[in-house]
């Protein structure tokens, strides 16, 4: 082989040159399982996401401030958020494994029971 032919092997290879980490950001609905009444940005909350429990910190400073000022939410309520899902590459399995969840922005809070309707209206005339 001549020198020019060997240069082909020096080009980046998308199959061999995998990044150690990757992140995805998506809009998600998280159901509150466990929360802290005096949270900080490093506080981990427990949520249900896609039917399984996860721990995530909330980086939305305005939302944390609202909680510290007395805004209430609790178990069973849901948060519509921008969720960052961090993954680390595992060579043994040749795949990315989720290792961290971070709430970047809280868009909305849905209180448990808000979507059930008011049964009292059934008996009003």
C-alpha atoms as a PDB file:
ATOM      1  CA  UNK A   1       0.000   0.000   0.000  1.00  0.00           C
ATOM      2  CA  UNK A   2       1.146   3.484  -0.687  1.00  0.00           C
ATOM      3  CA  UNK A   3       0.839   6.477   1.625  1.00  0.00           C
ATOM      4  CA  UNK A   4      -2.400   7.787   0.048  1.00  0.00           C
ATOM      5  CA  UNK A   5      -4.153   4.431   0.531  1.00  0.00           C
ATOM      6  CA  UNK A   6      -3.217   4.368   4.221  1.00  0.00           C
ATOM      7  CA  UNK A   7      -4.819   7.780   4.818  1.00  0.00           C
ATOM      8  CA  UNK A   8      -8.240   6.174   4.410  1.00  0.00           C
ATOM      9  CA  UNK A   9      -7.662   4.409   7.752  1.00  0.00           C
ATOM     10  CA  UNK A  10      -6.967   7.738   9.477  1.00  0.00           C
ATOM     11  CA  UNK A  11     -10.419   9.153   8.648  1.00  0.00           C
ATOM     12  CA  UNK A  12     -13.014   9.257  11.455  1.00  0.00           C
ATOM     13  CA  UNK A  13     -15.064   6.081  11.677  1.00  0.00           C
ATOM     14  CA  UNK A  14     -18.602   6.504  13.031  1.00  0.00           C
ATOM     15  CA  UNK A  15     -18.620   2.877  14.168  1.00  0.00           C
ATOM     16  CA  UNK A  16     -15.316   2.974  16.051  1.00  0.00           C
ATOM     17  CA  UNK A  17     -15.229   6.573  17.268  1.00  0.00           C
ATOM     18  CA  UNK A  18     -18.196   6.617  19.641  1.00  0.00           C
ATOM     19  CA  UNK A  19     -18.554   9.442  22.117  1.00  0.00           C
ATOM     20  CA  UNK A  20     -18.359   8.464  25.797  1.00  0.00           C
ATOM     21  CA  UNK A  21     -21.510  10.455  26.601  1.00  0.00           C
ATOM     22  CA  UNK A  22     -24.619  11.668  24.849  1.00  0.00           C
ATOM     23  CA  UNK A  23     -27.680  13.628  25.954  1.00  0.00           C
ATOM     24  CA  UNK A  24     -31.231  13.930  24.708  1.00  0.00           C
ATOM     25  CA  UNK A  25     -33.678  16.647  25.699  1.00  0.00           C
ATOM     26  CA  UNK A  26     -37.386  15.941  25.388  1.00  0.00           C
ATOM     27  CA  UNK A  27     -40.686  17.205  26.700  1.00  0.00           C
ATOM     28  CA  UNK A  28     -41.904  14.712  29.279  1.00  0.00           C
ATOM     29  CA  UNK A  29     -44.586  14.247  31.904  1.00  0.00           C
ATOM     30  CA  UNK A  30     -43.204  13.222  35.283  1.00  0.00           C
ATOM     31  CA  UNK A  31     -45.468  11.994  38.084  1.00  0.00           C
ATOM     32  CA  UNK A  32     -44.318  13.091  41.534  1.00  0.00           C
ATOM     33  CA  UNK A  33     -43.479  10.210  43.851  1.00  0.00           C
ATOM     34  CA  UNK A  34     -41.256  11.945  46.419  1.00  0.00           C
ATOM     35  CA  UNK A  35     -40.410  15.621  46.776  1.00  0.00           C
ATOM     36  CA  UNK A  36     -38.457  17.869  49.105  1.00  0.00           C
ATOM     37  CA  UNK A  37     -40.260  20.829  50.681  1.00  0.00           C
ATOM     38  CA  UNK A  38     -36.999  22.830  50.896  1.00  0.00           C
ATOM     39  CA  UNK A  39     -35.251  21.927  47.631  1.00  0.00           C
ATOM     40  CA  UNK A  40     -31.984  23.160  46.193  1.00  0.00           C
ATOM     41  CA  UNK A  41     -30.696  22.680  42.658  1.00  0.00           C
ATOM     42  CA  UNK A  42     -28.808  19.584  43.825  1.00  0.00           C
ATOM     43  CA  UNK A  43     -31.865  18.013  45.480  1.00  0.00           C
ATOM     44  CA  UNK A  44     -33.016  14.778  43.842  1.00  0.00           C
ATOM     45  CA  UNK A  45     -36.740  14.264  43.432  1.00  0.00           C
ATOM     46  CA  UNK A  46     -38.289  10.869  42.730  1.00  0.00           C
ATOM     47  CA  UNK A  47     -40.706  10.688  39.813  1.00  0.00           C
ATOM     48  CA  UNK A  48     -42.416   8.085  37.688  1.00  0.00           C
ATOM     49  CA  UNK A  49     -41.406   8.413  34.047  1.00  0.00           C
ATOM     50  CA  UNK A  50     -42.583   5.976  31.385  1.00  0.00           C
ATOM     51  CA  UNK A  51     -43.901   3.680  34.114  1.00  0.00           C
ATOM     52  CA  UNK A  52     -40.664   3.394  36.105  1.00  0.00           C
ATOM     53  CA  UNK A  53     -39.237   5.363  39.028  1.00  0.00           C
ATOM     54  CA  UNK A  54     -36.391   7.790  38.328  1.00  0.00           C
ATOM     55  CA  UNK A  55     -34.423  10.311  40.389  1.00  0.00           C
ATOM     56  CA  UNK A  56     -33.850  13.727  38.876  1.00  0.00           C
ATOM     57  CA  UNK A  57     -32.579  17.096  40.000  1.00  0.00           C
ATOM     58  CA  UNK A  58     -34.523  20.202  38.993  1.00  0.00           C
ATOM     59  CA  UNK A  59     -32.339  22.933  37.497  1.00  0.00           C
ATOM     60  CA  UNK A  60     -35.213  25.375  36.902  1.00  0.00           C
ATOM     61  CA  UNK A  61     -34.339  28.134  39.384  1.00  0.00           C
ATOM     62  CA  UNK A  62     -37.680  29.918  39.007  1.00  0.00           C
ATOM     63  CA  UNK A  63     -39.589  26.718  39.824  1.00  0.00           C
ATOM     64  CA  UNK A  64     -37.371  26.027  42.869  1.00  0.00           C
ATOM     65  CA  UNK A  65     -38.001  29.595  44.049  1.00  0.00           C
ATOM     66  CA  UNK A  66     -41.777  29.121  43.647  1.00  0.00           C
ATOM     67  CA  UNK A  67     -41.602  26.029  45.870  1.00  0.00           C
ATOM     68  CA  UNK A  68     -39.485  27.845  48.453  1.00  0.00           C
ATOM     69  CA  UNK A  69     -42.085  30.640  48.458  1.00  0.00           C
ATOM     70  CA  UNK A  70     -44.834  28.162  49.287  1.00  0.00           C
ATOM     71  CA  UNK A  71     -46.181  26.760  46.016  1.00  0.00           C
ATOM     72  CA  UNK A  72     -47.543  23.316  46.770  1.00  0.00           C
ATOM     73  CA  UNK A  73     -47.468  20.131  44.787  1.00  0.00           C
ATOM     74  CA  UNK A  74     -47.321  16.572  45.945  1.00  0.00           C
ATOM     75  CA  UNK A  75     -47.498  12.869  45.337  1.00  0.00           C
ATOM     76  CA  UNK A  76     -49.614  12.034  42.315  1.00  0.00           C
ATOM     77  CA  UNK A  77     -49.319  15.485  40.747  1.00  0.00           C
ATOM     78  CA  UNK A  78     -47.508  15.626  37.434  1.00  0.00           C
ATOM     79  CA  UNK A  79     -45.026  18.071  35.977  1.00  0.00           C
ATOM     80  CA  UNK A  80     -44.676  18.783  32.259  1.00  0.00           C
ATOM     81  CA  UNK A  81     -40.961  19.403  31.839  1.00  0.00           C
ATOM     82  CA  UNK A  82     -37.995  19.641  29.510  1.00  0.00           C
ATOM     83  CA  UNK A  83     -36.095  16.527  30.590  1.00  0.00           C
ATOM     84  CA  UNK A  84     -32.418  15.981  29.841  1.00  0.00           C
ATOM     85  CA  UNK A  85     -31.519  12.297  29.639  1.00  0.00           C
ATOM     86  CA  UNK A  86     -27.775  11.664  29.933  1.00  0.00           C
ATOM     87  CA  UNK A  87     -26.286   8.411  28.711  1.00  0.00           C
ATOM     88  CA  UNK A  88     -22.867   6.848  29.050  1.00  0.00           C
ATOM     89  CA  UNK A  89     -21.460   4.459  26.465  1.00  0.00           C
ATOM     90  CA  UNK A  90     -20.882   0.898  27.737  1.00  0.00           C
ATOM     91  CA  UNK A  91     -18.331  -0.937  25.594  1.00  0.00           C
ATOM     92  CA  UNK A  92     -19.249  -4.316  27.066  1.00  0.00           C
ATOM     93  CA  UNK A  93     -22.801  -4.038  25.773  1.00  0.00           C
ATOM     94  CA  UNK A  94     -21.988  -1.744  22.826  1.00  0.00           C
ATOM     95  CA  UNK A  95     -24.810   0.623  23.785  1.00  0.00           C
ATOM     96  CA  UNK A  96     -25.549   3.785  25.713  1.00  0.00           C
ATOM     97  CA  UNK A  97     -26.911   3.344  29.259  1.00  0.00           C
ATOM     98  CA  UNK A  98     -29.004   6.084  30.920  1.00  0.00           C
ATOM     99  CA  UNK A  99     -27.194   7.296  34.009  1.00  0.00           C
ATOM    100  CA  UNK A 100     -28.724  10.692  34.826  1.00  0.00           C
ATOM    101  CA  UNK A 101     -31.988  12.613  34.504  1.00  0.00           C
ATOM    102  CA  UNK A 102     -32.162  16.399  34.873  1.00  0.00           C
ATOM    103  CA  UNK A 103     -35.256  18.609  34.732  1.00  0.00           C
ATOM    104  CA  UNK A 104     -34.142  21.721  32.863  1.00  0.00           C
ATOM    105  CA  UNK A 105     -37.456  23.579  32.822  1.00  0.00           C
ATOM    106  CA  UNK A 106     -40.856  23.016  34.440  1.00  0.00           C
ATOM    107  CA  UNK A 107     -43.524  24.026  31.923  1.00  0.00           C
ATOM    108  CA  UNK A 108     -46.676  23.172  33.870  1.00  0.00           C
ATOM    109  CA  UNK A 109     -48.050  21.460  36.962  1.00  0.00           C
ATOM    110  CA  UNK A 110     -51.105  19.204  36.730  1.00  0.00           C
ATOM    111  CA  UNK A 111     -52.684  18.651  40.122  1.00  0.00           C
ATOM    112  CA  UNK A 112     -53.943  15.175  40.857  1.00  0.00           C
ATOM    113  CA  UNK A 113     -57.673  15.217  40.311  1.00  0.00           C
ATOM    114  CA  UNK A 114     -57.691  18.207  37.929  1.00  0.00           C
ATOM    115  CA  UNK A 115     -58.481  15.960  34.976  1.00  0.00           C
ATOM    116  CA  UNK A 116     -61.120  13.817  36.692  1.00  0.00           C
ATOM    117  CA  UNK A 117     -63.941  16.336  36.333  1.00  0.00           C
ATOM    118  CA  UNK A 118     -66.162  17.568  39.118  1.00  0.00           C
ATOM    119  CA  UNK A 119     -68.655  14.878  40.064  1.00  0.00           C
ATOM    120  CA  UNK A 120     -70.578  17.438  42.078  1.00  0.00           C
ATOM    121  CA  UNK A 121     -71.815  18.867  38.795  1.00  0.00           C
ATOM    122  CA  UNK A 122     -73.648  15.602  38.126  1.00  0.00           C
ATOM    123  CA  UNK A 123     -76.090  16.305  40.928  1.00  0.00           C
ATOM    124  CA  UNK A 124     -76.597  20.029  40.318  1.00  0.00           C
ATOM    125  CA  UNK A 125     -79.703  21.253  38.490  1.00  0.00           C
END
